[in-house]
Structure formats: C-alpha cells, structure tokens
C-alpha cells in the first residue's frame, strides 16, 4: 500500500471521508507518515467498530506477556475467585 506524506493525507481528508461514506467498510485504508514510512492509518469507522474487540484482545495479550516477563505469578482460577471475594456460583449462568 502506498504511504502518503502526512501533509498530503491532511489535504485529502475531505475526499477520504467522502470515499469512506460511499464505500463503507470496503473502502481501502489510508496510510500516512513522514518520509513514506507508515506511522498512522485512517479507515472507515464502520470497520474500526468491527476491529475493536480484536484490538482489545491484542492489547490484553500484550499486557499478559509483559506481566509474565516481569515474573508475575499465575493463580488457579478457583484461588483467584476466592481471593477477590467471589464464589464460583457468582460466575454460573
């Protein structure tokens, strides 16, 4: 994908929004950055909404990896439930 200079992406913002409105989720994202190095992306909001759960999973997984690398200890779920003051039945349907 072509990476637009930031100034060009800014200049084309109105036409990009119009394209997003017309094409919806199928509209190609716009990559932009300095010296044609991708640093940001614009995409249709409807696509972003669909990506939110995946983004949250990625961020959570990254945090788990960081904690494990820091030496965080894992607990069996039953012990964690008890330490937090819950009962197993609190999580049953």
Protein backbone atom coordinates (compact mmCIF):
# COMPACT_ATOMS: atom_id res chain seq x y z
CA UNK A 1 0.00 0.00 0.00
CA UNK A 2 1.13 3.49 -0.75
CA UNK A 3 2.11 5.63 2.24
CA UNK A 4 1.13 9.27 1.85
CA UNK A 5 3.12 12.08 3.37
CA UNK A 6 1.20 13.49 6.33
CA UNK A 7 0.63 16.80 4.56
CA UNK A 8 -0.91 15.02 1.56
CA UNK A 9 -3.15 12.87 3.77
CA UNK A 10 -4.29 16.04 5.55
CA UNK A 11 -5.00 17.77 2.24
CA UNK A 12 -7.04 14.79 1.05
CA UNK A 13 -9.00 14.35 4.29
CA UNK A 14 -12.32 15.63 2.87
CA UNK A 15 -12.13 13.39 -0.18
CA UNK A 16 -11.09 10.44 2.01
CA UNK A 17 -14.14 10.93 4.23
CA UNK A 18 -16.39 11.11 1.17
CA UNK A 19 -14.85 7.85 -0.12
CA UNK A 20 -15.39 6.20 3.26
CA UNK A 21 -19.05 7.28 3.18
CA UNK A 22 -19.52 5.94 -0.33
CA UNK A 23 -17.61 2.67 0.01
CA UNK A 24 -18.23 1.95 3.68
CA UNK A 25 -16.38 -0.95 5.22
CA UNK A 26 -14.90 -1.91 1.84
CA UNK A 27 -13.02 1.40 1.48
CA UNK A 28 -9.25 0.99 1.42
CA UNK A 29 -7.46 2.48 4.42
CA UNK A 30 -5.10 5.42 4.01
CA UNK A 31 -1.59 5.01 5.36
CA UNK A 32 0.40 8.13 6.15
CA UNK A 33 3.68 9.15 7.73
CA UNK A 34 6.93 11.04 7.35
CA UNK A 35 9.28 10.04 4.57
CA UNK A 36 6.72 7.48 3.32
CA UNK A 37 7.24 5.41 6.49
CA UNK A 38 3.82 4.27 7.77
CA UNK A 39 3.04 5.89 11.12
CA UNK A 40 -0.74 6.13 11.08
CA UNK A 41 -3.79 4.86 9.27
CA UNK A 42 -7.24 6.20 8.52
CA UNK A 43 -10.01 3.70 7.98
CA UNK A 44 -13.80 3.78 7.84
CA UNK A 45 -15.34 3.99 11.29
CA UNK A 46 -17.62 1.05 10.49
CA UNK A 47 -14.51 -1.10 10.02
CA UNK A 48 -12.91 0.29 13.17
CA UNK A 49 -16.02 -0.67 15.17
CA UNK A 50 -15.66 -4.26 13.98
CA UNK A 51 -11.98 -4.28 14.90
CA UNK A 52 -12.41 -3.00 18.47
CA UNK A 53 -12.85 -6.48 20.03
CA UNK A 54 -9.76 -7.74 18.19
CA UNK A 55 -7.74 -4.69 19.22
CA UNK A 56 -8.76 -5.22 22.85
CA UNK A 57 -7.66 -8.87 22.65
CA UNK A 58 -4.27 -7.86 21.21
CA UNK A 59 -3.74 -5.25 23.94
CA UNK A 60 -4.78 -7.68 26.66
CA UNK A 61 -2.47 -10.39 25.30
CA UNK A 62 0.39 -7.88 25.21
CA UNK A 63 -0.24 -6.93 28.84
CA UNK A 64 -0.31 -10.60 29.87
CA UNK A 65 3.03 -11.18 28.10
CA UNK A 66 4.52 -8.15 29.88
CA UNK A 67 3.30 -9.35 33.27
CA UNK A 68 4.66 -12.84 32.68
CA UNK A 69 8.01 -11.40 31.59
CA UNK A 70 8.07 -9.35 34.81
CA UNK A 71 7.70 -12.59 36.74
CA UNK A 72 4.03 -12.24 37.63
CA UNK A 73 2.73 -15.41 39.17
CA UNK A 74 -0.37 -17.10 37.90
CA UNK A 75 -3.06 -18.39 40.20
CA UNK A 76 -5.57 -21.16 39.68
CA UNK A 77 -8.92 -19.55 38.84
CA UNK A 78 -10.57 -21.01 41.94
CA UNK A 79 -7.98 -19.36 44.21
CA UNK A 80 -8.28 -16.05 42.38
CA UNK A 81 -12.08 -16.10 42.71
CA UNK A 82 -11.75 -16.73 46.44
CA UNK A 83 -9.06 -14.02 46.93
CA UNK A 84 -11.26 -11.47 45.18
CA UNK A 85 -14.15 -12.32 47.46
CA UNK A 86 -16.35 -14.09 44.95
CA UNK A 87 -17.89 -17.55 44.91
CA UNK A 88 -17.81 -19.96 41.98
CA UNK A 89 -21.60 -19.68 41.79
CA UNK A 90 -21.24 -15.95 41.01
CA UNK A 91 -19.98 -16.99 37.58
CA UNK A 92 -22.56 -19.60 36.73
CA UNK A 93 -25.41 -18.88 34.35
